[in-house]
Amino acid sequence: MSPLEKSEVPAAVRGLRIAVLVSGGIAAYKAADLVSQLVQAGCRVRVGMTAAATRFVGPTTLHGISGQPVLSDLWSPAGAPEPHVELGDWAQVVLVAPATANTVARLARGEAPDLVSATVLAARGPVVVAPAMNDAMWAKPVVQENVAALRARGLLVVDPESGHLASGHKGAGRLPAPAAIFAALESAVRGRYDLAGRRVVVSAGGTREPIDPVRFISNYSSGKMGFALAAAAAERGATVSLVSTAQHPAHLGVRVRPVETASEMLAALSDELSSADLLVMAAAVADFRPAQAQGTKIRREERASLTLELEKNVDILKELAGQPGSEAVYRVGFAAEDADLEQKAVEKLQRKGLNAIVANDISRSDIGFGSEHNAGVMLFRDGTRVTLDRTSKREMADRILDEIVARLP
């Protein structure tokens, strides 16, 4: 592979978190070009190496290209105490390139004596293996048996190419060209990461509108549905920003922007929307707020009664719709109603200029606010209606995204 040889990284791969694992063959130097092309295509790349690989290409080179520290030791004192587990958790797809005969044998036997083989075992996403070795080694029955074992276990193996080898021989054993490797990555992730390369913005939780420094007006929204949607989008390959008033455990790939009030949420969403492909407005924004918040605590013993004057809150979706470029963002809203569910949802869909809306019945005690489950109906601008049967909010998030992905430009 010439340093000038460039191949198009498929859209399905761009933006993904990719662990590139390098083993110790002469083709290890070509990993630098692969990493460079992936990084330039918007992928987030981290590199792991066997000790032998570091004798062919320096970790400093791959650190500089990827922008991330290179892992080469199972017992590294820096970072995570179990670097192979942390890297396997982080990566959405793993690429072993080059994979020497020794590495292929270790993977086939399920051994994990080095960082590369241990990371493959710890990987939670698909694994692509690109072997490179001498032609005689590649032709040996034991090597072909090991390759067959990898394929039988679901790893995607890209056959090496034929040509001039470092040993001076000619034959099959060259590291596959970038185009073949990138095509294999695309095949490995197709369907699993159908939001790769997309920017998704999600809002979650009920806004808090201050009465005084210690009191506020809010609602019963837990933010669970919004967090579920953000997690589902991240697991499908999207770059996700979550603007939320609620707090839940962090999810890999989701960047959280905490806010409190509707005005703060609008400001954060305005920042995020300029580069977004999809906005899912799952937050429960307070319809009204105190006309004037008190600067000091209102004390009960100083008042016989308290009357609050409320004013309409900012209409976030309306404000966002007026921003330049907002028409390019696919916008999905939520409607929580206790009567005339679909009629009110359609009215909101049209009034807010949404592409779709998810409506659920808050009069039901088995779904909605605070519950782990949800149900409802998804309505689209073209009149399509999709029933969302009762299920966990995480499963419902994927059901909603299934419908959205099928309609994204």
Protein backbone atom coordinates (compact mmCIF):
# COMPACT_ATOMS: atom_id res chain seq x y z
CA MET A 1 0.00 0.00 0.00
CA SER A 2 1.59 3.23 -1.12
CA PRO A 3 1.33 6.16 1.31
CA LEU A 4 -0.37 8.01 -1.55
CA GLU A 5 -2.96 5.29 -2.14
CA LYS A 6 -6.27 6.61 -0.80
CA SER A 7 -9.59 4.83 -0.66
CA GLU A 8 -13.01 6.17 0.19
CA VAL A 9 -14.08 5.28 3.70
CA PRO A 10 -17.75 4.19 3.45
CA ALA A 11 -20.35 6.41 5.06
CA ALA A 12 -21.43 3.54 7.31
CA VAL A 13 -17.97 3.55 8.92
CA ARG A 14 -17.42 7.28 9.33
CA GLY A 15 -17.77 8.57 12.85
CA LEU A 16 -17.43 5.12 14.45
CA ARG A 17 -15.11 4.31 17.34
CA ILE A 18 -12.56 1.90 15.86
CA ALA A 19 -9.83 -0.04 17.64
CA VAL A 20 -7.00 -0.79 15.21
CA LEU A 21 -4.93 -3.68 16.59
CA VAL A 22 -1.49 -4.17 15.06
CA SER A 23 0.55 -7.38 15.31
CA GLY A 24 4.22 -7.91 14.55
CA GLY A 25 4.73 -8.41 10.83
CA ILE A 26 6.52 -6.30 8.24
CA ALA A 27 3.13 -5.00 7.07
CA ALA A 28 2.72 -3.25 10.43
CA TYR A 29 4.06 -0.05 8.88
CA LYS A 30 0.98 0.07 6.66
CA ALA A 31 -1.23 0.46 9.73
CA ALA A 32 -0.16 4.10 9.89
CA ASP A 33 -1.83 4.81 6.54
CA LEU A 34 -4.98 2.93 7.53
CA VAL A 35 -5.28 4.88 10.77
CA SER A 36 -4.65 8.15 8.97
CA GLN A 37 -7.39 7.54 6.40
CA LEU A 38 -9.88 6.49 9.07
CA VAL A 39 -9.13 9.57 11.18
CA GLN A 40 -9.45 11.87 8.17
CA ALA A 41 -12.85 10.32 7.47
CA GLY A 42 -14.07 11.30 10.94
CA CYS A 43 -13.56 7.99 12.74
CA ARG A 44 -12.36 7.99 16.32
CA VAL A 45 -9.40 5.60 16.33
CA ARG A 46 -7.41 4.07 19.14
CA VAL A 47 -4.47 1.77 18.48
CA GLY A 48 -3.30 -1.34 20.31
CA MET A 49 -0.09 -3.20 19.47
CA THR A 50 1.73 -6.39 20.32
CA ALA A 51 5.27 -6.00 21.63
CA ALA A 52 6.54 -7.42 18.33
CA ALA A 53 4.60 -4.81 16.34
CA THR A 54 6.47 -2.01 18.09
CA ARG A 55 9.69 -3.34 16.53
CA PHE A 56 8.29 -2.57 13.05
CA VAL A 57 6.51 0.76 13.65
CA GLY A 58 6.89 3.08 16.62
CA PRO A 59 3.94 3.75 18.93
CA THR A 60 4.83 7.46 18.77
CA THR A 61 3.98 7.47 15.06
CA LEU A 62 0.56 5.93 15.59
CA HIS A 63 -0.04 8.16 18.62
CA GLY A 64 0.61 11.21 16.48
CA ILE A 65 -1.67 10.03 13.67
CA SER A 66 -4.57 8.88 15.84
CA GLY A 67 -4.28 11.62 18.44
CA GLN A 68 -4.68 8.96 21.16
CA PRO A 69 -2.13 7.15 23.35
CA VAL A 70 -1.16 3.75 21.96
CA LEU A 71 -1.69 0.67 24.15
CA SER A 72 0.85 -2.14 24.02
CA ASP A 73 0.94 -3.60 27.51
CA LEU A 74 -1.68 -5.63 29.36
CA TRP A 75 -0.20 -4.30 32.60
CA SER A 76 0.14 -0.65 31.67
CA PRO A 77 0.13 1.52 34.81
CA ALA A 78 -1.47 4.40 32.90
CA GLY A 79 -5.21 4.69 32.23
CA ALA A 80 -7.61 1.84 32.88
CA PRO A 81 -6.43 -1.02 35.14
CA GLU A 82 -7.57 -3.48 32.44
CA PRO A 83 -6.72 -1.69 29.17
CA HIS A 84 -7.92 -4.55 26.94
CA VAL A 85 -11.35 -4.56 28.62
CA GLU A 86 -11.66 -0.78 28.46
CA LEU A 87 -10.66 -0.75 24.77
CA GLY A 88 -13.03 -3.62 23.97
CA ASP A 89 -15.87 -1.76 25.66
CA TRP A 90 -15.03 1.49 23.86
CA ALA A 91 -14.70 0.17 20.31
CA GLN A 92 -17.76 -0.15 18.12
CA VAL A 93 -15.72 -2.23 15.68
CA VAL A 94 -12.28 -3.83 15.97
CA LEU A 95 -9.80 -4.12 13.08
CA VAL A 96 -6.78 -6.43 13.42
CA ALA A 97 -4.34 -5.30 10.71
CA PRO A 98 -1.99 -6.84 10.05
CA ALA A 99 -2.83 -10.17 11.66
CA THR A 100 0.22 -12.43 11.60
CA ALA A 101 0.02 -16.22 11.52
CA ASN A 102 0.82 -16.21 15.23
CA THR A 103 -1.99 -13.76 16.03
CA VAL A 104 -4.47 -15.69 13.87
CA ALA A 105 -3.55 -18.87 15.76
CA ARG A 106 -4.01 -17.17 19.13
CA LEU A 107 -7.40 -15.78 18.14
CA ALA A 108 -8.50 -19.17 16.81
CA ARG A 109 -7.57 -20.86 20.10
CA GLY A 110 -9.09 -18.11 22.23
CA GLU A 111 -5.77 -17.29 23.87
CA ALA A 112 -5.10 -13.84 25.32
CA PRO A 113 -1.42 -13.46 26.24
CA ASP A 114 -1.02 -10.00 24.70
CA LEU A 115 -3.02 -6.79 24.37
CA VAL A 116 -4.19 -7.52 20.79
CA SER A 117 -5.61 -11.00 21.40
CA ALA A 118 -7.04 -10.01 24.80
CA THR A 119 -8.82 -7.00 23.28
CA VAL A 120 -10.41 -9.17 20.58
CA LEU A 121 -11.75 -11.48 23.29
CA ALA A 122 -13.08 -8.49 25.25
CA ALA A 123 -14.61 -6.80 22.20
CA ARG A 124 -18.37 -6.22 22.30
CA GLY A 125 -18.67 -5.20 18.66
CA PRO A 126 -17.81 -6.91 15.36
CA VAL A 127 -14.22 -7.86 14.58
CA VAL A 128 -12.48 -7.64 11.19
CA VAL A 129 -9.20 -9.53 10.70
CA ALA A 130 -6.79 -8.66 7.88
CA PRO A 131 -4.00 -11.30 7.72
CA ALA A 132 -0.59 -10.61 6.23
CA MET A 133 2.29 -13.13 6.10
CA ASN A 134 4.60 -15.09 3.84
CA ASP A 135 2.84 -16.97 1.02
CA ALA A 136 4.05 -20.36 2.26
CA MET A 137 2.70 -19.64 5.72
CA TRP A 138 -0.67 -18.52 4.36
CA ALA A 139 -0.97 -21.72 2.30
CA LYS A 140 -0.34 -24.06 5.24
CA PRO A 141 -3.41 -26.17 6.18
CA VAL A 142 -3.10 -25.25 9.87
CA VAL A 143 -3.30 -21.53 9.03
CA GLN A 144 -6.34 -22.12 6.80
CA GLU A 145 -7.95 -24.15 9.59
CA ASN A 146 -7.39 -21.27 12.01
CA VAL A 147 -8.88 -18.79 9.53
CA ALA A 148 -11.90 -21.06 9.05
CA ALA A 149 -12.32 -21.23 12.84
CA LEU A 150 -12.37 -17.42 13.06
CA ARG A 151 -15.01 -17.18 10.34
CA ALA A 152 -17.10 -19.88 12.00
CA ARG A 153 -17.12 -17.78 15.17
CA GLY A 154 -18.39 -14.69 13.38
CA LEU A 155 -15.16 -12.77 12.78
CA LEU A 156 -14.88 -11.26 9.30
CA VAL A 157 -11.57 -12.25 7.68
CA VAL A 158 -10.29 -10.36 4.62
CA ASP A 159 -8.09 -12.62 2.49
CA PRO A 160 -4.61 -11.25 1.80
CA GLU A 161 -3.72 -10.12 -1.69
CA SER A 162 -1.21 -11.62 -4.08
CA GLY A 163 1.91 -9.80 -5.17
CA HIS A 164 5.49 -9.07 -4.25
CA LEU A 165 6.28 -9.95 -0.62
CA ALA A 166 8.96 -8.60 1.70
CA SER A 167 10.68 -12.00 1.59
CA GLY A 168 11.28 -11.59 -2.14
CA HIS A 169 8.66 -14.19 -3.06
CA LYS A 170 5.52 -13.56 -5.03
CA GLY A 171 2.19 -14.95 -3.93
CA ALA A 172 -0.76 -14.51 -1.58
CA GLY A 173 0.14 -12.85 1.70
CA ARG A 174 0.12 -9.08 1.21
CA LEU A 175 -2.00 -7.00 3.58
CA PRO A 176 -5.30 -6.30 1.77
CA ALA A 177 -5.61 -2.89 0.14
CA PRO A 178 -7.43 -0.16 2.11
CA ALA A 179 -10.47 -0.43 -0.17
CA ALA A 180 -10.90 -4.11 0.72
CA ILE A 181 -10.40 -3.45 4.44
CA PHE A 182 -12.83 -0.53 4.47
CA ALA A 183 -15.40 -2.60 2.56
CA ALA A 184 -15.03 -5.34 5.19
CA LEU A 185 -15.56 -2.80 7.97
CA GLU A 186 -18.69 -1.59 6.19
CA SER A 187 -19.97 -5.14 5.85
CA ALA A 188 -19.28 -5.82 9.53
CA VAL A 189 -21.20 -2.79 10.77
CA ARG A 190 -23.98 -2.59 8.18
CA GLY A 191 -27.36 -2.73 9.88
CA ARG A 192 -25.80 -2.51 13.34
CA TYR A 193 -24.62 1.09 13.06
CA ASP A 194 -27.22 2.61 10.77
CA LEU A 195 -26.70 6.07 12.29
CA ALA A 196 -22.93 6.12 11.73
CA GLY A 197 -21.79 9.53 10.57
CA ARG A 198 -24.99 11.18 11.84
CA ARG A 199 -25.22 13.88 14.52
CA VAL A 200 -28.19 13.35 16.84
CA VAL A 201 -29.41 15.81 19.46
CA VAL A 202 -31.81 14.63 22.17
CA SER A 203 -33.50 16.57 24.97
CA ALA A 204 -34.65 14.93 28.20
CA GLY A 205 -36.23 15.62 31.56
CA GLY A 206 -38.66 18.19 32.94
CA THR A 207 -37.43 21.77 33.03
CA ARG A 208 -37.22 23.58 36.37
CA GLU A 209 -38.46 27.16 36.45
CA PRO A 210 -37.32 28.97 39.62
CA ILE A 211 -39.69 30.60 42.09
CA ASP A 212 -36.85 31.60 44.40
CA PRO A 213 -33.34 30.22 45.04
CA VAL A 214 -34.70 27.01 46.63
CA ARG A 215 -38.05 26.36 44.90
CA PHE A 216 -39.11 25.75 41.34
CA ILE A 217 -42.02 24.74 39.09
CA SER A 218 -41.50 21.46 37.28
CA ASN A 219 -43.29 18.23 36.30
CA TYR A 220 -43.02 14.47 36.82
CA SER A 221 -40.80 13.74 33.81
CA SER A 222 -37.88 11.49 34.81
CA GLY A 223 -35.87 11.89 31.61
CA LYS A 224 -35.69 8.10 31.18
CA MET A 225 -37.17 8.11 27.67
CA GLY A 226 -34.74 10.78 26.47
CA PHE A 227 -31.77 8.96 27.99
CA ALA A 228 -32.94 5.71 26.36
CA LEU A 229 -33.13 7.43 22.97
CA ALA A 230 -29.67 8.96 23.37
CA ALA A 231 -28.18 5.59 24.36
CA ALA A 232 -29.89 3.80 21.47
CA ALA A 233 -28.67 6.39 18.95
CA ALA A 234 -25.09 6.13 20.27
CA GLU A 235 -25.17 2.35 20.04
CA ARG A 236 -26.27 2.69 16.43
CA GLY A 237 -23.17 4.75 15.63
CA ALA A 238 -24.41 8.33 15.95
CA THR A 239 -22.53 11.17 17.58
CA VAL A 240 -24.99 12.13 20.30
CA SER A 241 -25.50 15.28 22.35
CA LEU A 242 -28.03 15.00 25.18
CA VAL A 243 -29.41 18.23 26.62
CA SER A 244 -30.97 17.21 29.90
CA THR A 245 -32.33 18.45 33.20
CA ALA A 246 -32.25 14.89 34.60
CA GLN A 247 -29.32 12.85 35.80
CA HIS A 248 -28.84 9.19 34.91
CA PRO A 249 -25.76 6.97 34.54
CA ALA A 250 -23.49 8.10 31.71
CA HIS A 251 -23.49 6.13 28.46
CA LEU A 252 -20.47 5.68 26.19
CA GLY A 253 -20.74 7.91 23.15
CA VAL A 254 -23.30 10.32 24.66
CA ARG A 255 -22.15 13.84 25.55
CA VAL A 256 -24.44 15.33 28.18
CA ARG A 257 -25.13 19.05 28.50
CA PRO A 258 -26.88 19.68 31.81
CA VAL A 259 -29.46 22.47 31.96
CA GLU A 260 -32.23 23.54 34.31
CA THR A 261 -34.69 25.96 32.71
CA ALA A 262 -36.41 26.08 29.34
CA SER A 263 -34.33 29.12 28.38
CA GLU A 264 -31.11 27.24 29.18
CA MET A 265 -32.34 24.26 27.19
CA LEU A 266 -33.13 26.47 24.19
CA ALA A 267 -29.65 28.02 24.30
CA ALA A 268 -27.95 24.60 24.47
CA LEU A 269 -30.10 23.13 21.70
CA SER A 270 -29.43 26.17 19.50
CA ASP A 271 -25.71 25.52 19.87
CA GLU A 272 -26.07 21.85 18.98
CA LEU A 273 -28.55 22.13 16.14
CA SER A 274 -26.31 23.78 13.55
CA SER A 275 -24.50 20.52 12.75
CA ALA A 276 -27.28 18.07 13.60
CA ASP A 277 -29.08 15.63 11.32
CA LEU A 278 -31.76 14.67 13.82
CA LEU A 279 -33.42 16.36 16.80
CA VAL A 280 -35.53 14.27 19.19
CA MET A 281 -37.33 16.55 21.63
CA ALA A 282 -38.22 14.16 24.46
CA ALA A 283 -37.95 16.77 27.23
CA ALA A 284 -41.07 17.87 29.12
CA VAL A 285 -40.74 21.64 28.93
CA ALA A 286 -42.80 23.60 31.45
CA ASP A 287 -45.58 25.48 29.68
CA PHE A 288 -45.50 28.28 32.26
CA ARG A 289 -42.90 29.89 34.49
CA PRO A 290 -43.02 32.49 37.28
CA ALA A 291 -43.21 35.96 35.78
CA GLN A 292 -40.53 37.05 38.25
CA ALA A 293 -38.30 34.81 40.33
CA GLN A 294 -37.46 36.09 43.81
CA GLY A 295 -33.80 36.72 44.49
CA THR A 296 -33.99 35.53 48.10
CA LYS A 297 -35.82 32.67 49.78
CA ILE A 298 -39.52 33.27 50.37
CA ARG A 299 -40.10 32.63 54.07
CA ARG A 300 -43.38 31.11 55.22
CA GLU A 301 -43.46 33.00 58.53
CA GLU A 302 -43.37 36.33 56.69
CA ARG A 303 -46.44 35.63 54.55
CA ALA A 304 -50.01 34.63 55.25
CA SER A 305 -50.38 33.44 51.64
CA LEU A 306 -48.51 33.43 48.37
CA THR A 307 -49.80 34.18 44.89
CA LEU A 308 -47.63 33.34 41.92
CA GLU A 309 -48.06 35.16 38.64
CA LEU A 310 -47.18 32.84 35.76
CA GLU A 311 -46.31 33.65 32.18
CA LYS A 312 -46.00 31.48 29.08
CA ASN A 313 -42.64 29.82 28.76
CA VAL A 314 -40.43 29.95 25.71
CA ASP A 315 -41.61 27.67 22.86
CA ILE A 316 -38.40 25.79 22.16
CA LEU A 317 -39.47 24.00 18.99
CA LYS A 318 -40.91 27.19 17.51
CA GLU A 319 -37.72 29.10 18.26
CA LEU A 320 -35.54 26.36 16.81
CA ALA A 321 -37.65 26.18 13.66
CA GLY A 322 -36.81 29.83 12.97
CA GLN A 323 -33.07 29.26 12.96
CA PRO A 324 -31.17 29.23 9.63
CA GLY A 325 -30.63 25.69 8.36
CA SER A 326 -33.18 24.16 10.72
CA GLU A 327 -35.19 22.85 7.78
CA ALA A 328 -32.36 20.37 7.09
CA VAL A 329 -32.77 18.80 10.56
CA TYR A 330 -35.25 15.93 10.90
CA ARG A 331 -37.31 16.92 13.95
CA VAL A 332 -39.26 14.58 16.20
CA GLY A 333 -41.38 15.71 19.14
CA PHE A 334 -43.28 14.08 21.98
CA ALA A 335 -46.85 14.67 23.15
CA ALA A 336 -47.98 13.56 26.61
CA GLU A 337 -51.77 13.77 26.74
CA ASP A 338 -54.58 12.46 28.95
CA ALA A 339 -57.42 12.82 26.42
CA ASP A 340 -57.92 13.04 22.62
CA LEU A 341 -54.40 11.68 22.26
CA GLU A 342 -54.00 11.45 18.49
CA GLN A 343 -56.00 14.56 17.67
CA LYS A 344 -53.86 16.71 19.95
CA ALA A 345 -50.68 15.06 18.72
CA VAL A 346 -51.54 15.80 15.08
CA GLU A 347 -52.29 19.42 16.00
CA LYS A 348 -48.91 19.71 17.71
CA LEU A 349 -47.15 18.02 14.78
CA GLN A 350 -48.55 20.59 12.40
CA ARG A 351 -48.21 23.59 14.71
CA LYS A 352 -44.57 22.88 15.49
CA GLY A 353 -43.61 21.93 11.92
CA LEU A 354 -42.33 18.50 13.01
CA ASN A 355 -41.51 15.55 10.79
CA ALA A 356 -42.93 13.12 13.36
CA ILE A 357 -44.37 12.99 16.84
CA VAL A 358 -44.60 10.29 19.50
CA ALA A 359 -47.77 10.50 21.59
CA ASN A 360 -48.39 8.64 24.83
CA ASP A 361 -51.28 8.50 27.28
CA ILE A 362 -50.23 9.88 30.67
CA SER A 363 -53.50 8.72 32.26
CA ARG A 364 -52.15 5.16 32.17
CA SER A 365 -50.34 4.15 35.36
CA ASP A 366 -48.26 1.40 33.67
CA ILE A 367 -46.35 3.72 31.31
CA GLY A 368 -44.99 7.23 31.07
CA PHE A 369 -43.59 9.47 33.78
CA GLY A 370 -41.15 7.64 36.04
CA SER A 371 -42.00 4.22 34.62
CA GLU A 372 -39.50 1.84 33.05
CA HIS A 373 -42.03 1.18 30.26
CA ASN A 374 -43.78 3.19 27.60
CA ALA A 375 -46.32 2.82 24.82
CA GLY A 376 -48.02 5.09 22.33
CA VAL A 377 -48.36 5.95 18.70
CA MET A 378 -45.92 7.56 16.27
CA LEU A 379 -47.45 9.92 13.72
CA PHE A 380 -45.68 11.28 10.65
CA ARG A 381 -46.18 14.38 8.55
CA ASP A 382 -47.29 12.28 5.56
CA GLY A 383 -50.10 10.71 7.61
CA THR A 384 -48.36 7.43 8.43
CA ARG A 385 -49.35 5.97 11.80
CA VAL A 386 -47.22 3.44 13.72
CA THR A 387 -48.44 1.77 16.90
CA LEU A 388 -45.82 1.45 19.63
CA ASP A 389 -46.87 -1.41 21.89
CA ARG A 390 -45.97 -1.39 25.58
CA THR A 391 -42.34 -2.31 26.13
CA SER A 392 -39.28 -1.07 28.01
CA LYS A 393 -38.26 2.48 27.22
CA ARG A 394 -34.94 1.21 25.87
CA GLU A 395 -36.71 -1.14 23.45
CA MET A 396 -39.16 1.59 22.52
CA ALA A 397 -36.22 3.91 21.77
CA ASP A 398 -34.93 1.45 19.17
CA ARG A 399 -38.44 1.04 17.74
CA ILE A 400 -38.70 4.80 17.32
CA LEU A 401 -35.25 5.02 15.74
CA ASP A 402 -36.10 2.18 13.35
CA GLU A 403 -38.89 4.33 11.94
CA ILE A 404 -36.76 7.47 11.85
CA VAL A 405 -33.75 5.85 10.16
CA ALA A 406 -35.97 4.57 7.37
CA ARG A 407 -37.02 8.16 6.63
CA LEU A 408 -33.84 10.18 7.17
CA PRO A 409 -32.57 11.94 4.03
